[in-house]
Protein backbone atom coordinates (compact mmCIF):
# COMPACT_ATOMS: atom_id res chain seq x y z
CA MET A 1 35.34 -19.57 9.62
CA ASN A 2 32.14 -17.05 7.25
CA GLY A 3 29.98 -17.04 10.78
CA ILE A 4 27.07 -18.53 9.17
CA LEU A 5 24.74 -21.13 11.38
CA HIS A 6 24.27 -24.42 10.08
CA LEU A 7 21.21 -25.96 11.03
CA PRO A 8 19.58 -28.88 11.74
CA ALA A 9 16.14 -28.99 9.88
CA ARG A 10 13.26 -29.01 12.65
CA ASP A 11 9.27 -28.71 13.00
CA ILE A 12 8.20 -25.63 15.01
CA PRO A 13 5.34 -26.37 17.01
CA LEU A 14 2.37 -24.07 18.50
CA PRO A 15 3.91 -22.29 21.00
CA GLN A 16 1.65 -23.30 24.14
CA SER A 17 2.39 -19.39 26.01
CA ILE A 18 -0.59 -17.66 23.94
CA SER A 19 -4.57 -18.22 23.85
CA ALA A 20 -6.22 -21.35 22.60
CA GLU A 21 -7.57 -18.75 20.06
CA ALA A 22 -4.02 -17.47 19.05
CA ARG A 23 -2.75 -21.04 18.85
CA ALA A 24 -5.88 -21.96 16.12
CA LEU A 25 -5.35 -19.30 14.13
CA LEU A 26 -1.52 -20.24 13.56
CA ALA A 27 -2.59 -24.11 13.08
CA ALA A 28 -5.18 -22.97 10.54
CA ILE A 29 -2.86 -21.30 8.62
CA ALA A 30 0.19 -23.21 8.72
CA GLU A 31 -2.06 -25.76 6.82
CA ARG A 32 -3.37 -23.22 3.41
CA PRO A 33 -0.93 -23.78 0.35
CA VAL A 34 1.55 -21.13 0.51
CA ARG A 35 0.82 -18.79 -2.66
CA GLY A 36 3.37 -18.10 -5.52
CA GLU A 37 6.10 -14.89 -4.56
CA MET A 38 4.87 -11.29 -6.23
CA PRO A 39 6.18 -11.34 -9.86
CA GLU A 40 9.54 -9.98 -10.84
CA GLY A 41 9.73 -7.05 -12.72
CA ASN A 42 7.43 -4.79 -13.75
CA ASP A 43 4.88 -6.28 -16.21
CA PRO A 44 1.61 -4.12 -15.88
CA VAL A 45 -0.29 -7.65 -16.37
CA ALA A 46 1.33 -9.82 -14.87
CA TRP A 47 1.26 -7.94 -11.59
CA LYS A 48 -2.37 -7.18 -11.83
CA ARG A 49 -3.48 -10.53 -11.71
CA ALA A 50 -0.57 -11.36 -9.19
CA ILE A 51 -2.69 -8.88 -7.25
CA ALA A 52 -5.65 -9.50 -7.80
CA GLU A 53 -5.79 -13.16 -6.67
CA ALA A 54 -3.74 -11.83 -4.12
CA GLU A 55 -6.47 -9.78 -2.98
CA GLU A 56 -9.31 -12.86 -3.26
CA GLY A 57 -7.63 -14.46 -1.04
CA VAL A 58 -7.74 -11.53 1.49
CA LEU A 59 -11.17 -9.95 1.16
CA PRO A 60 -13.71 -12.77 2.36
CA PHE A 61 -11.93 -12.27 5.99
CA LEU A 62 -12.15 -8.40 5.93
CA ARG A 63 -16.15 -8.56 4.68
CA PRO A 64 -17.52 -9.29 8.26
CA LEU A 65 -16.12 -6.21 9.39
CA ASP A 66 -18.86 -3.98 7.66
CA GLY A 67 -21.65 -5.62 10.52
CA LEU A 68 -18.78 -3.33 13.37
CA PRO A 69 -21.80 -1.08 14.97
CA GLY A 70 -21.73 2.29 16.12
CA LEU A 71 -19.80 3.47 13.29
CA THR A 72 -21.10 6.91 10.56
CA ARG A 73 -19.57 5.68 7.15
CA ASP A 74 -19.18 8.15 4.40
CA THR A 75 -17.04 8.45 1.53
CA VAL A 76 -15.55 11.84 0.58
CA SER A 77 -12.43 13.81 -2.02
CA MET A 78 -9.73 15.31 -0.48
CA ALA A 79 -7.95 17.31 -2.07
CA GLY A 80 -8.57 14.65 -4.94
CA VAL A 81 -7.98 11.77 -3.06
CA THR A 82 -10.96 9.75 -2.74
CA THR A 83 -11.38 8.78 1.12
CA TYR A 84 -13.27 6.75 3.56
CA VAL A 85 -14.39 8.27 6.71
CA ALA A 86 -15.77 6.52 9.93
CA THR A 87 -16.85 8.05 12.84
CA PRO A 88 -17.26 6.31 16.10
CA GLU A 89 -21.54 7.05 17.86
CA GLY A 90 -20.49 9.94 20.56
CA ALA A 91 -16.55 10.98 18.99
CA PRO A 92 -15.66 13.95 19.92
CA SER A 93 -15.41 16.04 16.89
CA ASP A 94 -12.25 18.07 17.28
CA ARG A 95 -9.72 15.09 16.74
CA ALA A 96 -8.82 12.80 13.44
CA TYR A 97 -7.25 9.71 13.36
CA LEU A 98 -5.41 9.37 9.93
CA ASP A 99 -5.76 5.73 8.61
CA ILE A 100 -3.06 4.51 6.07
CA HIS A 101 -4.05 0.85 5.22
CA GLY A 102 -1.75 -1.91 4.29
CA GLY A 103 -0.57 -4.35 1.35
CA GLY A 104 2.84 -4.74 0.16
CA LEU A 105 2.11 -1.18 -1.06
CA VAL A 106 0.68 -2.71 -4.07
CA MET A 107 -2.48 -3.65 -3.06
CA LEU A 108 -6.27 -3.72 -1.01
CA ALA A 109 -7.11 -0.73 -2.03
CA GLY A 110 -11.29 0.57 -2.90
CA GLU A 111 -13.37 -2.12 -0.76
CA ALA A 112 -10.57 -3.23 1.38
CA THR A 113 -9.40 0.02 2.19
CA ARG A 114 -12.95 1.11 3.49
CA LEU A 115 -13.29 -2.17 5.54
CA MET A 116 -9.78 -1.99 7.40
CA GLY A 117 -11.11 1.76 8.20
CA LEU A 118 -13.85 1.10 10.03
CA MET A 119 -11.79 -1.35 12.10
CA MET A 120 -9.57 1.17 12.66
CA ALA A 121 -12.54 3.34 13.89
CA SER A 122 -13.57 0.92 15.77
CA ARG A 123 -10.33 0.19 17.38
CA VAL A 124 -9.35 4.09 18.47
CA GLY A 125 -13.04 5.95 18.48
CA VAL A 126 -12.39 9.36 17.13
CA ALA A 127 -13.68 9.87 13.06
CA THR A 128 -11.05 7.81 11.10
CA PHE A 129 -9.79 9.08 7.40
CA SER A 130 -8.61 5.81 4.84
CA PRO A 131 -7.03 7.14 2.03
CA ASP A 132 -7.42 4.91 -1.18
CA TYR A 133 -3.72 5.95 -2.77
CA ARG A 134 -2.53 5.36 -5.77
CA MET A 135 -0.20 2.47 -6.01
CA PRO A 136 1.92 0.53 -8.78
CA PRO A 137 2.02 -0.92 -11.57
CA ASP A 138 0.43 2.33 -12.59
CA HIS A 139 1.32 4.39 -10.05
CA PRO A 140 4.80 3.69 -8.29
CA TYR A 141 5.88 5.90 -5.95
CA PRO A 142 6.01 9.04 -5.35
CA ALA A 143 2.50 8.06 -5.54
CA ALA A 144 1.31 7.01 -2.81
CA LEU A 145 2.95 9.34 -0.37
CA ASP A 146 1.96 12.12 -2.73
CA ASP A 147 -1.87 10.91 -2.26
CA CYS A 148 -1.44 10.00 1.94
CA PHE A 149 0.04 13.61 2.06
CA ALA A 150 -2.04 15.50 0.76
CA VAL A 151 -4.84 14.20 2.77
CA TYR A 152 -2.48 14.85 5.51
CA ARG A 153 -2.59 18.24 4.27
CA ALA A 154 -6.24 19.17 4.20
CA LEU A 155 -6.82 17.20 7.41
CA LEU A 156 -4.56 20.54 8.90
CA GLU A 157 -7.08 22.92 7.47
CA ARG A 158 -9.67 20.85 9.25
CA TYR A 159 -8.34 20.19 12.80
CA PRO A 160 -5.06 21.24 14.66
CA PRO A 161 -2.25 18.80 14.65
CA GLU A 162 -2.39 18.30 18.42
CA ARG A 163 -6.26 16.94 16.68
CA ILE A 164 -4.47 14.51 14.68
CA VAL A 165 -3.37 10.84 14.94
CA VAL A 166 -1.58 9.07 11.75
CA GLY A 167 -1.11 5.47 12.05
CA GLY A 168 -1.24 2.64 9.35
CA ALA A 169 0.19 -0.92 9.71
CA SER A 170 2.76 -3.37 7.63
CA ALA A 171 2.27 -1.02 3.89
CA GLY A 172 1.24 1.92 5.71
CA GLY A 173 2.80 2.24 8.62
CA ASN A 174 5.78 2.36 5.66
CA LEU A 175 3.33 5.93 4.58
CA ALA A 176 2.88 7.04 8.22
CA ALA A 177 6.25 7.44 8.96
CA ALA A 178 7.20 9.13 5.77
CA LEU A 179 4.50 10.89 5.68
CA ALA A 180 5.92 12.88 8.65
CA LEU A 181 9.36 12.53 7.64
CA ARG A 182 8.33 14.46 4.58
CA ALA A 183 5.72 16.80 6.83
CA ARG A 184 8.97 17.95 8.42
CA ASP A 185 11.00 18.80 5.74
CA GLU A 186 8.37 20.61 4.12
CA GLY A 187 7.94 22.40 7.34
CA LEU A 188 4.11 21.09 7.95
CA PRO A 189 3.44 21.10 11.70
CA LEU A 190 3.61 17.64 13.10
CA PRO A 191 1.05 15.24 14.48
CA ALA A 192 -0.19 14.24 17.86
CA GLY A 193 1.23 10.77 17.51
CA LEU A 194 1.83 7.68 14.82
CA VAL A 195 0.62 4.14 15.61
CA LEU A 196 3.14 2.04 13.83
CA LEU A 197 1.92 -1.65 13.41
CA THR A 198 4.00 -4.20 12.59
CA PRO A 199 5.21 -1.52 9.82
CA GLU A 200 7.19 -2.50 6.80
CA LEU A 201 10.07 0.24 7.38
CA ASP A 202 12.91 -1.22 5.88
CA LEU A 203 12.41 -1.78 2.02
CA THR A 204 15.71 -3.36 1.64
CA GLU A 205 15.40 -5.26 4.03
CA SER A 206 18.09 -5.86 5.92
CA GLY A 207 17.28 -6.67 9.41
CA ASP A 208 17.79 -9.82 10.54
CA SER A 209 14.84 -11.26 10.90
CA PHE A 210 14.23 -11.19 7.22
CA LEU A 211 16.40 -14.47 7.65
CA ILE A 212 15.54 -15.78 11.06
CA LEU A 213 11.34 -16.13 10.41
CA ARG A 214 11.20 -16.72 7.55
CA GLY A 215 9.17 -19.12 6.73
CA ILE A 216 7.75 -18.73 10.44
CA ASP A 217 5.65 -15.92 9.89
CA VAL A 218 2.44 -18.11 8.81
CA MET A 219 1.25 -14.63 7.92
CA LEU A 220 3.90 -13.05 5.82
CA ARG A 221 5.83 -16.42 4.78
CA MET A 222 8.69 -14.52 2.28
CA PRO A 223 10.17 -10.92 1.92
CA LEU A 224 8.76 -8.65 -0.15
CA MET A 225 11.36 -7.29 -2.26
CA PRO A 226 9.62 -7.86 -5.80
CA SER A 227 6.94 -5.51 -4.55
CA ASN A 228 9.79 -3.03 -2.87
CA ARG A 229 11.50 -2.86 -6.18
CA LEU A 230 7.59 -2.59 -8.10
CA TYR A 231 7.22 0.86 -6.11
CA ALA A 232 10.62 2.12 -5.73
CA ALA A 233 10.36 2.44 -9.68
CA GLY A 234 14.37 2.77 -9.56
CA ALA A 235 14.65 4.95 -6.69
CA ASP A 236 17.39 4.23 -3.80
CA LEU A 237 14.97 1.99 -2.22
CA ALA A 238 17.31 3.18 1.07
CA HIS A 239 16.23 6.62 1.36
CA PRO A 240 14.13 7.81 4.13
CA TYR A 241 10.35 8.63 2.09
CA LEU A 242 10.98 4.83 1.22
CA SER A 243 12.67 2.99 4.08
CA PRO A 244 11.94 5.39 7.19
CA LEU A 245 13.80 3.19 9.56
CA PHE A 246 16.99 5.22 7.67
CA GLY A 247 15.19 9.00 8.07
CA ASP A 248 17.33 11.55 10.59
CA PHE A 249 14.80 12.19 13.55
CA SER A 250 17.41 14.21 15.65
CA LYS A 251 15.65 16.80 13.48
CA GLY A 252 12.18 15.71 14.82
CA PHE A 253 9.22 13.07 15.20
CA PRO A 254 5.71 12.47 16.64
CA PRO A 255 5.42 10.54 19.25
CA THR A 256 5.34 6.96 18.62
CA MET A 257 3.82 3.88 19.03
CA LEU A 258 5.34 0.31 17.76
CA GLN A 259 3.93 -3.06 17.36
CA ALA A 260 5.31 -6.29 15.93
CA GLY A 261 5.01 -9.97 17.03
CA THR A 262 7.92 -12.34 18.18
CA ARG A 263 6.75 -14.46 15.15
CA ASP A 264 6.69 -11.61 12.79
CA LEU A 265 8.78 -11.35 9.58
CA PHE A 266 8.81 -7.71 10.07
CA LEU A 267 10.04 -7.71 14.28
CA SER A 268 13.55 -6.39 13.07
CA ASN A 269 12.10 -3.10 11.76
CA VAL A 270 10.11 -2.51 14.95
CA VAL A 271 12.91 -2.98 17.34
CA ARG A 272 15.76 -1.13 14.52
CA MET A 273 12.99 2.16 14.27
CA HIS A 274 12.90 1.65 18.50
CA ARG A 275 16.62 2.22 18.93
CA ALA A 276 16.76 4.67 16.72
CA LEU A 277 13.76 7.09 18.15
CA LEU A 278 15.13 6.74 21.76
CA LYS A 279 18.53 7.86 20.46
CA ALA A 280 16.80 11.03 19.01
CA ASP A 281 15.63 11.30 22.33
CA ILE A 282 12.01 10.62 20.72
CA PRO A 283 9.11 9.66 22.63
CA VAL A 284 8.12 6.66 21.54
CA GLU A 285 6.71 2.90 23.15
CA MET A 286 7.45 -0.54 21.54
CA HIS A 287 5.29 -3.36 22.50
CA ILE A 288 6.03 -6.97 20.91
CA PHE A 289 2.85 -10.00 21.18
CA GLU A 290 4.23 -13.41 22.35
CA ALA A 291 3.90 -15.62 18.77
CA MET A 292 2.28 -13.54 17.18
CA PRO A 293 2.37 -13.08 12.68
CA HIS A 294 2.60 -10.49 10.88
CA GLY A 295 -0.86 -8.61 10.86
CA GLY A 296 -2.08 -10.55 14.10
CA PHE A 297 -4.26 -12.83 14.95
CA GLY A 298 -7.79 -12.46 13.37
CA GLY A 299 -9.60 -11.64 16.84
CA ALA A 300 -7.89 -13.61 19.16
CA PRO A 301 -7.24 -11.93 22.68
CA GLU A 302 -4.38 -10.85 21.97
CA ASP A 303 -5.76 -8.70 19.11
CA GLN A 304 -8.19 -6.72 21.84
CA ASP A 305 -4.91 -5.99 23.65
CA LEU A 306 -3.76 -4.61 21.52
CA ALA A 307 -6.51 -2.61 20.49
CA GLU A 308 -7.01 -1.65 23.63
CA THR A 309 -3.18 -0.53 23.31
CA MET A 310 -3.32 1.55 20.38
CA ARG A 311 -6.78 2.91 21.42
CA GLY A 312 -4.79 4.06 25.01
CA PHE A 313 -2.42 5.54 23.16
CA VAL A 314 -4.42 7.80 20.93
CA ALA A 315 -6.10 9.26 23.82
CA ARG A 316 -2.76 9.41 25.20
CA CYS A 317 -1.11 11.85 22.14
CA PHE A 318 -4.69 13.79 22.38
CA ALA A 319 -4.46 15.05 25.99
CA ALA A 320 -0.43 15.70 25.81
CA ALA A 321 -2.04 18.83 23.56
């Protein structure tokens, strides 16, 4: 006996337990052709081609964010890192949100970074700083973490730590959590809180959901191991700065909000991180959304619920100071 379950082939229907808008999104994405896997190895030409093709499929869905009202926009250099700043009208001047973009640690730089920063600023209601960090194939680990860490250091020169919240989605969640571990290890003050949305916390992809939900998550159809290896460039994937899930949180970690969905390939990352933080007595909230795939439903009522949850958590982090 090897303990392997053998299940018959089955069709997965649309869930009736979510909004009509969310069902429509799942149905629409299920009809799209599945894009090929990222290339194996570290051929920079092949990687740049694959990244460009993937970004072509994402950017049309991000461009409408440029129309979000009530935001001032700026581009600055912080510690040598190009950083997009979005500030909601009437936002308090004494607090900041450091938003670290997703993209599998290899994509969604430049315009995509700027647009996603606008969305996060509209959600959290405070000045939002989005670093355009370096990525593979030209700049593997630790370049991205170095850049995000440098921007955090620069923010500490402008704001007290209790007036900074750090957040990220997917790969951005990886970098946000790694940043907090590194800040603690290097003796910097920790931010008031972390917002980790469907975070890529385990580059070893050892969790149960990487197997059980493969093919069911319509947004992230397959694991990201080729990208993980390219990013790590030979470093140990289990190192806490690469896979923050394996960090020692007993030495300190910020209050944390975790989010995933029941159809999210990264669900295990959130479940396991929640248990690890609880065991270390770190204040933590876990929000699991019904049938939500990686990255949300693209504007359904559930996404608005998530936005309100984020805004409330960030406000509580600032109020606790």
